[in-house]
Amino acid sequence: MELARETGFVEAILFLESDPLPVKQLAIKAQLSDEVTEKCIENLIEKYKDDSSGVELSMITGGWCLVPKKECWEVLKETYGSKRDGKLSKSAMETLSIIAYSQPVTRSEIEAIRGVGVDNALRLLIDRNLVKEVGKKDAPGRPTQFGTTKEFLKLFRLNSIADLPKLDENEAERFELAR
């Protein structure tokens, strides 16, 4: 196979990088053309399909990275997950879900959906870099609007917010805002 050496080089770069890399950046680091880099990625995707591999190549936030296969991560995340990113409380997960599905959304809109205050949950989500301020609403008082971050996408292994699981009709109604 003529791409074996290049594929190995791309694999080593992906192993050493902590953040996902778009093809163009990966090509620059590997000193390869975009086309050759894409072929290397295809080779690696195929290589990691084997059941004997515990990792896979995944597109997250617009870039490629090596991640543990889902079945492996479920077992290993307690040991290897970031200690700072411990489990989120039920209220923090509900708040995060509302922000993810309704963004951009204000604090009062989140509270209207949840029916309770969200100050502590929102502060925790901001501290963990899962949520950030994304702008001001064009309304009286210009309240801050919140949205999810790249860290959110990485944590949930999503390429973009469009990859969130689709809500059924009842769930979708719960996240609707009276705008």
N, C-alpha and C. Protein backbone atom coordinates (compact mmCIF):
# COMPACT_ATOMS: atom_id res chain seq x y z
N MET A 1 0.85 -1.18 0.00
CA MET A 1 0.00 0.00 0.00
C MET A 1 0.88 1.24 0.00
N GLU A 2 0.70 2.12 -0.96
CA GLU A 2 1.59 3.26 -1.09
C GLU A 2 1.34 4.37 -0.07
N LEU A 3 0.17 4.43 0.54
CA LEU A 3 -0.14 5.47 1.52
C LEU A 3 0.16 5.04 2.96
N ALA A 4 0.74 3.88 3.13
CA ALA A 4 0.94 3.34 4.48
C ALA A 4 1.75 4.30 5.35
N ARG A 5 2.86 4.80 4.84
CA ARG A 5 3.73 5.69 5.62
C ARG A 5 2.99 6.99 5.98
N GLU A 6 2.32 7.59 4.98
CA GLU A 6 1.59 8.84 5.22
C GLU A 6 0.44 8.63 6.21
N THR A 7 -0.25 7.49 6.06
CA THR A 7 -1.36 7.20 6.98
C THR A 7 -0.83 7.07 8.41
N GLY A 8 0.30 6.40 8.56
CA GLY A 8 0.92 6.28 9.88
C GLY A 8 1.31 7.62 10.47
N PHE A 9 1.78 8.50 9.62
CA PHE A 9 2.17 9.84 10.07
C PHE A 9 0.94 10.63 10.53
N VAL A 10 -0.14 10.58 9.74
CA VAL A 10 -1.38 11.26 10.11
C VAL A 10 -1.92 10.68 11.41
N GLU A 11 -1.85 9.37 11.55
CA GLU A 11 -2.30 8.70 12.77
C GLU A 11 -1.51 9.20 13.98
N ALA A 12 -0.19 9.33 13.84
CA ALA A 12 0.64 9.80 14.94
C ALA A 12 0.27 11.23 15.33
N ILE A 13 0.01 12.08 14.34
CA ILE A 13 -0.38 13.46 14.64
C ILE A 13 -1.71 13.47 15.40
N LEU A 14 -2.67 12.69 14.94
CA LEU A 14 -3.97 12.63 15.62
C LEU A 14 -3.82 12.11 17.05
N PHE A 15 -2.91 11.17 17.25
CA PHE A 15 -2.64 10.63 18.58
C PHE A 15 -2.08 11.71 19.50
N LEU A 16 -1.20 12.54 18.97
CA LEU A 16 -0.52 13.56 19.78
C LEU A 16 -1.37 14.81 20.02
N GLU A 17 -2.30 15.09 19.15
CA GLU A 17 -3.14 16.29 19.28
C GLU A 17 -4.27 16.05 20.28
N SER A 18 -4.55 17.06 21.07
CA SER A 18 -5.65 16.92 22.03
C SER A 18 -6.97 17.48 21.49
N ASP A 19 -6.88 18.36 20.50
CA ASP A 19 -8.08 18.95 19.92
C ASP A 19 -8.31 18.41 18.51
N PRO A 20 -9.57 18.34 18.09
CA PRO A 20 -9.87 17.90 16.72
C PRO A 20 -9.21 18.80 15.69
N LEU A 21 -8.75 18.22 14.59
CA LEU A 21 -8.09 18.98 13.53
C LEU A 21 -8.86 18.85 12.22
N PRO A 22 -9.21 19.99 11.60
CA PRO A 22 -9.79 19.93 10.26
C PRO A 22 -8.76 19.38 9.28
N VAL A 23 -9.20 18.85 8.15
CA VAL A 23 -8.31 18.25 7.16
C VAL A 23 -7.20 19.22 6.77
N LYS A 24 -7.53 20.46 6.54
CA LYS A 24 -6.54 21.44 6.09
C LYS A 24 -5.41 21.58 7.12
N GLN A 25 -5.74 21.70 8.40
CA GLN A 25 -4.70 21.82 9.45
C GLN A 25 -3.91 20.52 9.56
N LEU A 26 -4.59 19.41 9.46
CA LEU A 26 -3.92 18.11 9.53
C LEU A 26 -2.95 17.96 8.37
N ALA A 27 -3.36 18.39 7.19
CA ALA A 27 -2.51 18.33 6.01
C ALA A 27 -1.26 19.19 6.19
N ILE A 28 -1.44 20.37 6.75
CA ILE A 28 -0.30 21.27 6.99
C ILE A 28 0.68 20.63 7.97
N LYS A 29 0.16 20.10 9.09
CA LYS A 29 1.03 19.47 10.09
C LYS A 29 1.75 18.26 9.53
N ALA A 30 1.07 17.50 8.66
CA ALA A 30 1.66 16.29 8.08
C ALA A 30 2.49 16.58 6.83
N GLN A 31 2.42 17.84 6.37
CA GLN A 31 3.10 18.25 5.15
C GLN A 31 2.68 17.39 3.96
N LEU A 32 1.34 17.20 3.87
CA LEU A 32 0.74 16.44 2.79
C LEU A 32 -0.32 17.29 2.12
N SER A 33 -0.74 16.89 0.94
CA SER A 33 -1.84 17.61 0.28
C SER A 33 -3.15 17.25 0.99
N ASP A 34 -4.16 18.09 0.79
CA ASP A 34 -5.47 17.80 1.37
C ASP A 34 -6.00 16.47 0.88
N GLU A 35 -5.79 16.18 -0.42
CA GLU A 35 -6.31 14.94 -1.02
C GLU A 35 -5.65 13.71 -0.39
N VAL A 36 -4.34 13.75 -0.23
CA VAL A 36 -3.64 12.62 0.39
C VAL A 36 -4.07 12.47 1.84
N THR A 37 -4.22 13.59 2.53
CA THR A 37 -4.65 13.56 3.93
C THR A 37 -6.04 12.93 4.04
N GLU A 38 -6.95 13.27 3.13
CA GLU A 38 -8.29 12.69 3.14
C GLU A 38 -8.23 11.18 2.91
N LYS A 39 -7.35 10.73 2.02
CA LYS A 39 -7.19 9.28 1.78
C LYS A 39 -6.65 8.60 3.04
N CYS A 40 -5.74 9.27 3.73
CA CYS A 40 -5.20 8.72 4.98
C CYS A 40 -6.31 8.58 6.03
N ILE A 41 -7.18 9.58 6.10
CA ILE A 41 -8.30 9.54 7.04
C ILE A 41 -9.22 8.36 6.70
N GLU A 42 -9.50 8.18 5.41
CA GLU A 42 -10.33 7.03 4.99
C GLU A 42 -9.68 5.72 5.41
N ASN A 43 -8.36 5.61 5.24
CA ASN A 43 -7.64 4.40 5.65
C ASN A 43 -7.77 4.17 7.15
N LEU A 44 -7.64 5.24 7.92
CA LEU A 44 -7.73 5.10 9.38
C LEU A 44 -9.14 4.73 9.84
N ILE A 45 -10.14 5.32 9.20
CA ILE A 45 -11.53 4.98 9.54
C ILE A 45 -11.74 3.48 9.33
N GLU A 46 -11.25 2.99 8.20
CA GLU A 46 -11.38 1.57 7.89
C GLU A 46 -10.61 0.71 8.90
N LYS A 47 -9.40 1.13 9.22
CA LYS A 47 -8.55 0.39 10.16
C LYS A 47 -9.23 0.25 11.53
N TYR A 48 -9.85 1.32 12.00
CA TYR A 48 -10.43 1.31 13.34
C TYR A 48 -11.80 0.66 13.40
N LYS A 49 -12.37 0.26 12.26
CA LYS A 49 -13.65 -0.47 12.27
C LYS A 49 -13.49 -1.86 12.88
N ASP A 50 -12.28 -2.38 12.85
CA ASP A 50 -12.01 -3.72 13.37
C ASP A 50 -12.38 -3.80 14.86
N ASP A 51 -13.02 -4.89 15.26
CA ASP A 51 -13.44 -5.08 16.65
C ASP A 51 -12.28 -5.09 17.63
N SER A 52 -11.08 -5.38 17.13
CA SER A 52 -9.93 -5.44 18.03
C SER A 52 -9.41 -4.05 18.41
N SER A 53 -9.93 -3.00 17.76
CA SER A 53 -9.50 -1.63 18.07
C SER A 53 -10.40 -1.02 19.14
N GLY A 54 -9.78 -0.35 20.08
CA GLY A 54 -10.54 0.34 21.14
C GLY A 54 -10.76 1.81 20.84
N VAL A 55 -10.22 2.29 19.70
CA VAL A 55 -10.39 3.68 19.32
C VAL A 55 -11.03 3.77 17.95
N GLU A 56 -11.52 4.98 17.65
CA GLU A 56 -12.07 5.24 16.34
C GLU A 56 -11.74 6.68 15.96
N LEU A 57 -11.79 6.96 14.68
CA LEU A 57 -11.59 8.31 14.19
C LEU A 57 -12.95 8.96 14.12
N SER A 58 -13.07 10.13 14.74
CA SER A 58 -14.38 10.76 14.82
C SER A 58 -14.28 12.23 14.43
N MET A 59 -15.31 12.71 13.72
CA MET A 59 -15.42 14.12 13.36
C MET A 59 -16.15 14.82 14.49
N ILE A 60 -15.45 15.71 15.18
CA ILE A 60 -16.02 16.46 16.29
C ILE A 60 -15.67 17.92 16.09
N THR A 61 -16.66 18.78 16.19
CA THR A 61 -16.52 20.23 16.02
C THR A 61 -15.78 20.59 14.73
N GLY A 62 -16.02 19.85 13.68
CA GLY A 62 -15.43 20.17 12.39
C GLY A 62 -14.02 19.66 12.17
N GLY A 63 -13.52 18.86 13.09
CA GLY A 63 -12.16 18.32 12.95
C GLY A 63 -12.11 16.85 13.30
N TRP A 64 -11.04 16.19 12.90
CA TRP A 64 -10.86 14.76 13.16
C TRP A 64 -10.05 14.55 14.42
N CYS A 65 -10.44 13.55 15.21
CA CYS A 65 -9.65 13.19 16.38
C CYS A 65 -9.85 11.71 16.70
N LEU A 66 -8.87 11.16 17.41
CA LEU A 66 -8.96 9.79 17.88
C LEU A 66 -9.69 9.80 19.21
N VAL A 67 -10.71 8.98 19.32
CA VAL A 67 -11.48 8.89 20.56
C VAL A 67 -11.72 7.41 20.89
N PRO A 68 -11.93 7.11 22.16
CA PRO A 68 -12.27 5.72 22.49
C PRO A 68 -13.61 5.36 21.85
N LYS A 69 -13.75 4.11 21.41
CA LYS A 69 -15.04 3.65 20.91
C LYS A 69 -16.06 3.79 22.03
N LYS A 70 -17.30 4.06 21.67
CA LYS A 70 -18.34 4.32 22.66
C LYS A 70 -18.43 3.22 23.71
N GLU A 71 -18.37 1.96 23.28
CA GLU A 71 -18.51 0.86 24.24
C GLU A 71 -17.33 0.83 25.22
N CYS A 72 -16.16 1.22 24.76
CA CYS A 72 -14.99 1.28 25.65
C CYS A 72 -15.11 2.47 26.61
N TRP A 73 -15.53 3.62 26.07
CA TRP A 73 -15.61 4.83 26.88
C TRP A 73 -16.60 4.67 28.02
N GLU A 74 -17.71 3.97 27.78
CA GLU A 74 -18.70 3.77 28.85
C GLU A 74 -18.06 3.11 30.07
N VAL A 75 -17.13 2.20 29.83
CA VAL A 75 -16.45 1.50 30.92
C VAL A 75 -15.31 2.35 31.49
N LEU A 76 -14.61 3.08 30.65
CA LEU A 76 -13.39 3.78 31.05
C LEU A 76 -13.57 5.21 31.54
N LYS A 77 -14.73 5.83 31.28
CA LYS A 77 -14.86 7.25 31.59
C LYS A 77 -14.75 7.58 33.07
N GLU A 78 -15.14 6.66 33.94
CA GLU A 78 -15.00 6.91 35.38
C GLU A 78 -13.53 7.08 35.76
N THR A 79 -12.66 6.29 35.15
CA THR A 79 -11.23 6.35 35.46
C THR A 79 -10.52 7.44 34.68
N TYR A 80 -10.86 7.62 33.40
CA TYR A 80 -10.11 8.52 32.54
C TYR A 80 -10.81 9.83 32.21
N GLY A 81 -12.07 9.97 32.60
CA GLY A 81 -12.76 11.23 32.37
C GLY A 81 -12.14 12.30 33.24
N SER A 82 -12.28 13.54 32.82
CA SER A 82 -11.71 14.64 33.59
C SER A 82 -12.38 14.72 34.95
N LYS A 83 -11.58 14.81 35.99
CA LYS A 83 -12.12 14.90 37.36
C LYS A 83 -12.97 16.17 37.51
N ARG A 84 -12.55 17.23 36.86
CA ARG A 84 -13.26 18.51 36.93
C ARG A 84 -14.64 18.38 36.28
N ASP A 85 -14.75 17.49 35.33
CA ASP A 85 -16.00 17.34 34.60
C ASP A 85 -16.84 16.20 35.16
N GLY A 86 -16.85 16.07 36.47
CA GLY A 86 -17.64 15.03 37.09
C GLY A 86 -19.09 15.10 36.64
N LYS A 87 -19.87 14.18 37.11
CA LYS A 87 -21.26 14.12 36.68
C LYS A 87 -21.97 15.43 36.98
N LEU A 88 -22.83 15.81 36.07
CA LEU A 88 -23.65 17.00 36.26
C LEU A 88 -24.91 16.62 37.01
N SER A 89 -25.37 17.52 37.87
CA SER A 89 -26.62 17.28 38.60
C SER A 89 -27.78 17.26 37.61
N LYS A 90 -28.91 16.76 38.09
CA LYS A 90 -30.11 16.70 37.25
C LYS A 90 -30.50 18.11 36.81
N SER A 91 -30.42 19.09 37.70
CA SER A 91 -30.80 20.46 37.34
C SER A 91 -29.83 21.05 36.32
N ALA A 92 -28.54 20.74 36.45
CA ALA A 92 -27.56 21.24 35.48
C ALA A 92 -27.79 20.59 34.11
N MET A 93 -28.10 19.29 34.09
CA MET A 93 -28.37 18.60 32.82
C MET A 93 -29.64 19.15 32.16
N GLU A 94 -30.66 19.41 32.96
CA GLU A 94 -31.89 19.98 32.40
C GLU A 94 -31.62 21.36 31.82
N THR A 95 -30.86 22.17 32.54
CA THR A 95 -30.53 23.52 32.07
C THR A 95 -29.70 23.43 30.80
N LEU A 96 -28.73 22.54 30.77
CA LEU A 96 -27.89 22.36 29.59
C LEU A 96 -28.72 21.89 28.39
N SER A 97 -29.65 21.00 28.63
CA SER A 97 -30.54 20.52 27.55
C SER A 97 -31.37 21.66 26.98
N ILE A 98 -31.91 22.48 27.85
CA ILE A 98 -32.73 23.62 27.40
C ILE A 98 -31.88 24.56 26.55
N ILE A 99 -30.67 24.85 27.01
CA ILE A 99 -29.80 25.75 26.26
C ILE A 99 -29.44 25.12 24.91
N ALA A 100 -29.09 23.84 24.92
CA ALA A 100 -28.69 23.17 23.67
C ALA A 100 -29.81 23.19 22.63
N TYR A 101 -31.03 22.91 23.06
CA TYR A 101 -32.13 22.80 22.10
C TYR A 101 -32.82 24.13 21.80
N SER A 102 -32.61 25.15 22.65
CA SER A 102 -33.33 26.41 22.47
C SER A 102 -32.42 27.59 22.16
N GLN A 103 -31.12 27.37 22.05
CA GLN A 103 -30.17 28.48 21.90
C GLN A 103 -30.41 29.31 20.65
N PRO A 104 -30.12 30.61 20.73
CA PRO A 104 -29.72 31.36 21.92
C PRO A 104 -30.92 31.58 22.83
N VAL A 105 -30.67 31.52 24.12
CA VAL A 105 -31.76 31.60 25.10
C VAL A 105 -31.30 32.42 26.30
N THR A 106 -32.21 33.19 26.89
CA THR A 106 -31.88 34.01 28.05
C THR A 106 -32.14 33.24 29.34
N ARG A 107 -31.59 33.76 30.43
CA ARG A 107 -31.80 33.15 31.75
C ARG A 107 -33.30 33.07 32.06
N SER A 108 -34.04 34.15 31.82
CA SER A 108 -35.48 34.14 32.15
C SER A 108 -36.24 33.14 31.27
N GLU A 109 -35.81 32.95 30.03
CA GLU A 109 -36.45 31.95 29.17
C GLU A 109 -36.17 30.54 29.67
N ILE A 110 -34.95 30.30 30.13
CA ILE A 110 -34.61 28.99 30.70
C ILE A 110 -35.46 28.74 31.94
N GLU A 111 -35.57 29.76 32.79
CA GLU A 111 -36.36 29.63 34.02
C GLU A 111 -37.83 29.41 33.71
N ALA A 112 -38.34 30.04 32.65
CA ALA A 112 -39.74 29.85 32.26
C ALA A 112 -39.99 28.40 31.83
N ILE A 113 -39.02 27.81 31.13
CA ILE A 113 -39.16 26.42 30.69
C ILE A 113 -39.02 25.47 31.87
N ARG A 114 -38.01 25.70 32.73
CA ARG A 114 -37.77 24.80 33.86
C ARG A 114 -38.76 25.01 35.00
N GLY A 115 -39.23 26.24 35.16
CA GLY A 115 -40.16 26.54 36.25
C GLY A 115 -39.46 26.85 37.57
N VAL A 116 -38.14 26.92 37.56
CA VAL A 116 -37.36 27.24 38.77
C VAL A 116 -36.15 28.09 38.36
N GLY A 117 -35.51 28.69 39.36
CA GLY A 117 -34.30 29.48 39.12
C GLY A 117 -33.17 28.61 38.61
N VAL A 118 -32.28 29.20 37.82
CA VAL A 118 -31.19 28.43 37.22
C VAL A 118 -29.82 29.03 37.49
N ASP A 119 -29.73 29.95 38.44
CA ASP A 119 -28.45 30.64 38.68
C ASP A 119 -27.30 29.68 38.95
N ASN A 120 -27.48 28.76 39.88
CA ASN A 120 -26.37 27.85 40.23
C ASN A 120 -26.02 26.91 39.07
N ALA A 121 -27.02 26.36 38.42
CA ALA A 121 -26.77 25.45 37.29
C ALA A 121 -26.08 26.19 36.16
N LEU A 122 -26.53 27.40 35.87
CA LEU A 122 -25.93 28.18 34.80
C LEU A 122 -24.48 28.54 35.13
N ARG A 123 -24.22 28.92 36.37
CA ARG A 123 -22.85 29.24 36.80
C ARG A 123 -21.94 28.02 36.64
N LEU A 124 -22.42 26.84 37.05
CA LEU A 124 -21.65 25.61 36.93
C LEU A 124 -21.35 25.30 35.45
N LEU A 125 -22.34 25.44 34.59
CA LEU A 125 -22.16 25.15 33.17
C LEU A 125 -21.17 26.12 32.52
N ILE A 126 -21.21 27.38 32.94
CA ILE A 126 -20.24 28.36 32.43
C ILE A 126 -18.85 28.03 32.95
N ASP A 127 -18.73 27.68 34.25
CA ASP A 127 -17.43 27.32 34.84
C ASP A 127 -16.81 26.12 34.14
N ARG A 128 -17.63 25.19 33.70
CA ARG A 128 -17.13 23.99 33.01
C ARG A 128 -16.97 24.21 31.51
N ASN A 129 -17.22 25.42 31.08
CA ASN A 129 -17.05 25.81 29.68
C ASN A 129 -17.96 25.01 28.74
N LEU A 130 -19.14 24.65 29.23
CA LEU A 130 -20.12 23.96 28.39
C LEU A 130 -21.10 24.94 27.78
N VAL A 131 -21.21 26.13 28.42
CA VAL A 131 -22.14 27.18 28.01
C VAL A 131 -21.38 28.51 28.07
N LYS A 132 -21.76 29.41 27.17
CA LYS A 132 -21.15 30.74 27.19
C LYS A 132 -22.18 31.78 26.77
N GLU A 133 -21.85 33.04 27.05
CA GLU A 133 -22.68 34.15 26.57
C GLU A 133 -22.46 34.27 25.07
N VAL A 134 -23.55 34.35 24.32
CA VAL A 134 -23.43 34.42 22.86
C VAL A 134 -23.99 35.72 22.27
N GLY A 135 -24.53 36.58 23.13
CA GLY A 135 -25.06 37.85 22.62
C GLY A 135 -26.08 38.44 23.57
N LYS A 136 -26.73 39.48 23.08
CA LYS A 136 -27.78 40.16 23.83
C LYS A 136 -29.07 40.10 23.02
N LYS A 137 -30.17 39.85 23.72
CA LYS A 137 -31.46 39.77 23.04
C LYS A 137 -31.95 41.18 22.75
N ASP A 138 -32.53 41.37 21.58
CA ASP A 138 -33.08 42.66 21.20
C ASP A 138 -34.44 42.81 21.87
N ALA A 139 -34.40 43.09 23.18
CA ALA A 139 -35.60 43.23 23.99
C ALA A 139 -35.28 44.20 25.12
N PRO A 140 -36.28 44.72 25.80
CA PRO A 140 -36.02 45.65 26.90
C PRO A 140 -35.03 45.06 27.91
N GLY A 141 -34.05 45.85 28.29
CA GLY A 141 -33.02 45.40 29.23
C GLY A 141 -31.88 44.66 28.56
N ARG A 142 -32.02 44.32 27.27
CA ARG A 142 -30.99 43.60 26.50
C ARG A 142 -30.39 42.44 27.29
N PRO A 143 -31.26 41.47 27.68
CA PRO A 143 -30.75 40.34 28.47
C PRO A 143 -29.73 39.50 27.71
N THR A 144 -28.80 38.93 28.45
CA THR A 144 -27.76 38.08 27.88
C THR A 144 -28.37 36.78 27.38
N GLN A 145 -27.91 36.35 26.21
CA GLN A 145 -28.33 35.06 25.65
C GLN A 145 -27.18 34.08 25.79
N PHE A 146 -27.55 32.83 26.04
CA PHE A 146 -26.57 31.77 26.24
C PHE A 146 -26.68 30.72 25.15
N GLY A 147 -25.54 30.08 24.87
CA GLY A 147 -25.48 28.99 23.91
C GLY A 147 -24.40 28.01 24.34
N THR A 148 -24.31 26.91 23.65
CA THR A 148 -23.32 25.89 23.98
C THR A 148 -21.97 26.22 23.36
N THR A 149 -20.92 25.54 23.82
CA THR A 149 -19.55 25.79 23.40
C THR A 149 -19.00 24.59 22.62
N LYS A 150 -17.79 24.74 22.12
CA LYS A 150 -17.10 23.61 21.48
C LYS A 150 -16.85 22.50 22.50
N GLU A 151 -16.60 22.87 23.76
CA GLU A 151 -16.40 21.86 24.80
C GLU A 151 -17.65 21.00 24.97
N PHE A 152 -18.82 21.61 24.85
CA PHE A 152 -20.08 20.87 24.91
C PHE A 152 -20.11 19.84 23.77
N LEU A 153 -19.77 20.30 22.55
CA LEU A 153 -19.77 19.40 21.40
C LEU A 153 -18.78 18.25 21.61
N LYS A 154 -17.60 18.57 22.13
CA LYS A 154 -16.58 17.55 22.35
C LYS A 154 -17.05 16.55 23.42
N LEU A 155 -17.63 17.06 24.50
CA LEU A 155 -18.09 16.18 25.58
C LEU A 155 -19.13 15.19 25.09
N PHE A 156 -20.03 15.65 24.24
CA PHE A 156 -21.11 14.79 23.75
C PHE A 156 -20.80 14.20 22.37
N ARG A 157 -19.55 14.37 21.92
CA ARG A 157 -19.06 13.79 20.67
C ARG A 157 -19.94 14.16 19.47
N LEU A 158 -20.20 15.46 19.35
CA LEU A 158 -21.02 15.97 18.26
C LEU A 158 -20.17 16.81 17.33
N ASN A 159 -20.42 16.70 16.04
CA ASN A 159 -19.72 17.54 15.08
C ASN A 159 -20.30 18.95 15.09
N SER A 160 -21.61 19.05 15.23
CA SER A 160 -22.28 20.35 15.32
C SER A 160 -23.56 20.18 16.14
N ILE A 161 -24.16 21.29 16.50
CA ILE A 161 -25.38 21.26 17.29
C ILE A 161 -26.51 20.56 16.52
N ALA A 162 -26.42 20.55 15.20
CA ALA A 162 -27.43 19.88 14.37
C ALA A 162 -27.41 18.36 14.60
N ASP A 163 -26.34 17.84 15.19
CA ASP A 163 -26.24 16.40 15.44
C ASP A 163 -26.90 15.96 16.75
N LEU A 164 -27.49 16.92 17.48
CA LEU A 164 -28.22 16.53 18.69
C LEU A 164 -29.34 15.55 18.32
N PRO A 165 -29.64 14.62 19.21
CA PRO A 165 -30.76 13.71 18.92
C PRO A 165 -32.04 14.51 18.70
N LYS A 166 -32.83 14.07 17.76
CA LYS A 166 -34.10 14.74 17.47
C LYS A 166 -35.08 14.48 18.60
N LEU A 167 -35.85 15.51 18.93
CA LEU A 167 -36.85 15.40 19.99
C LEU A 167 -38.17 14.91 19.41
N ASP A 168 -38.90 14.11 20.21
CA ASP A 168 -40.23 13.74 19.75
C ASP A 168 -41.16 14.94 20.00
N GLU A 169 -42.39 14.85 19.57
CA GLU A 169 -43.32 15.98 19.62
C GLU A 169 -43.51 16.52 21.05
N ASN A 170 -43.67 15.63 22.02
CA ASN A 170 -43.86 16.07 23.41
C ASN A 170 -42.62 16.75 23.96
N GLU A 171 -41.46 16.18 23.68
CA GLU A 171 -40.21 16.79 24.14
C GLU A 171 -40.00 18.14 23.49
N ALA A 172 -40.28 18.24 22.19
CA ALA A 172 -40.08 19.49 21.47
C ALA A 172 -40.96 20.60 22.05
N GLU A 173 -42.18 20.29 22.42
CA GLU A 173 -43.08 21.27 23.01
C GLU A 173 -42.50 21.82 24.31
N ARG A 174 -41.86 20.96 25.08
CA ARG A 174 -41.30 21.39 26.36
C ARG A 174 -40.21 22.45 26.17
N PHE A 175 -39.46 22.38 25.06
CA PHE A 175 -38.36 23.30 24.82
C PHE A 175 -38.78 24.55 24.04
N GLU A 176 -40.05 24.63 23.65
CA GLU A 176 -40.51 25.81 22.90
C GLU A 176 -40.61 27.00 23.83
N LEU A 177 -40.20 28.14 23.30
CA LEU A 177 -40.29 29.38 24.03
C LEU A 177 -41.44 30.20 23.50
N ALA A 178 -42.08 30.93 24.39
CA ALA A 178 -43.11 31.87 23.96
C ALA A 178 -42.39 33.12 23.50
N ARG A 179 -42.11 33.21 22.22
CA ARG A 179 -41.30 34.35 21.70
C ARG A 179 -42.19 35.36 21.04
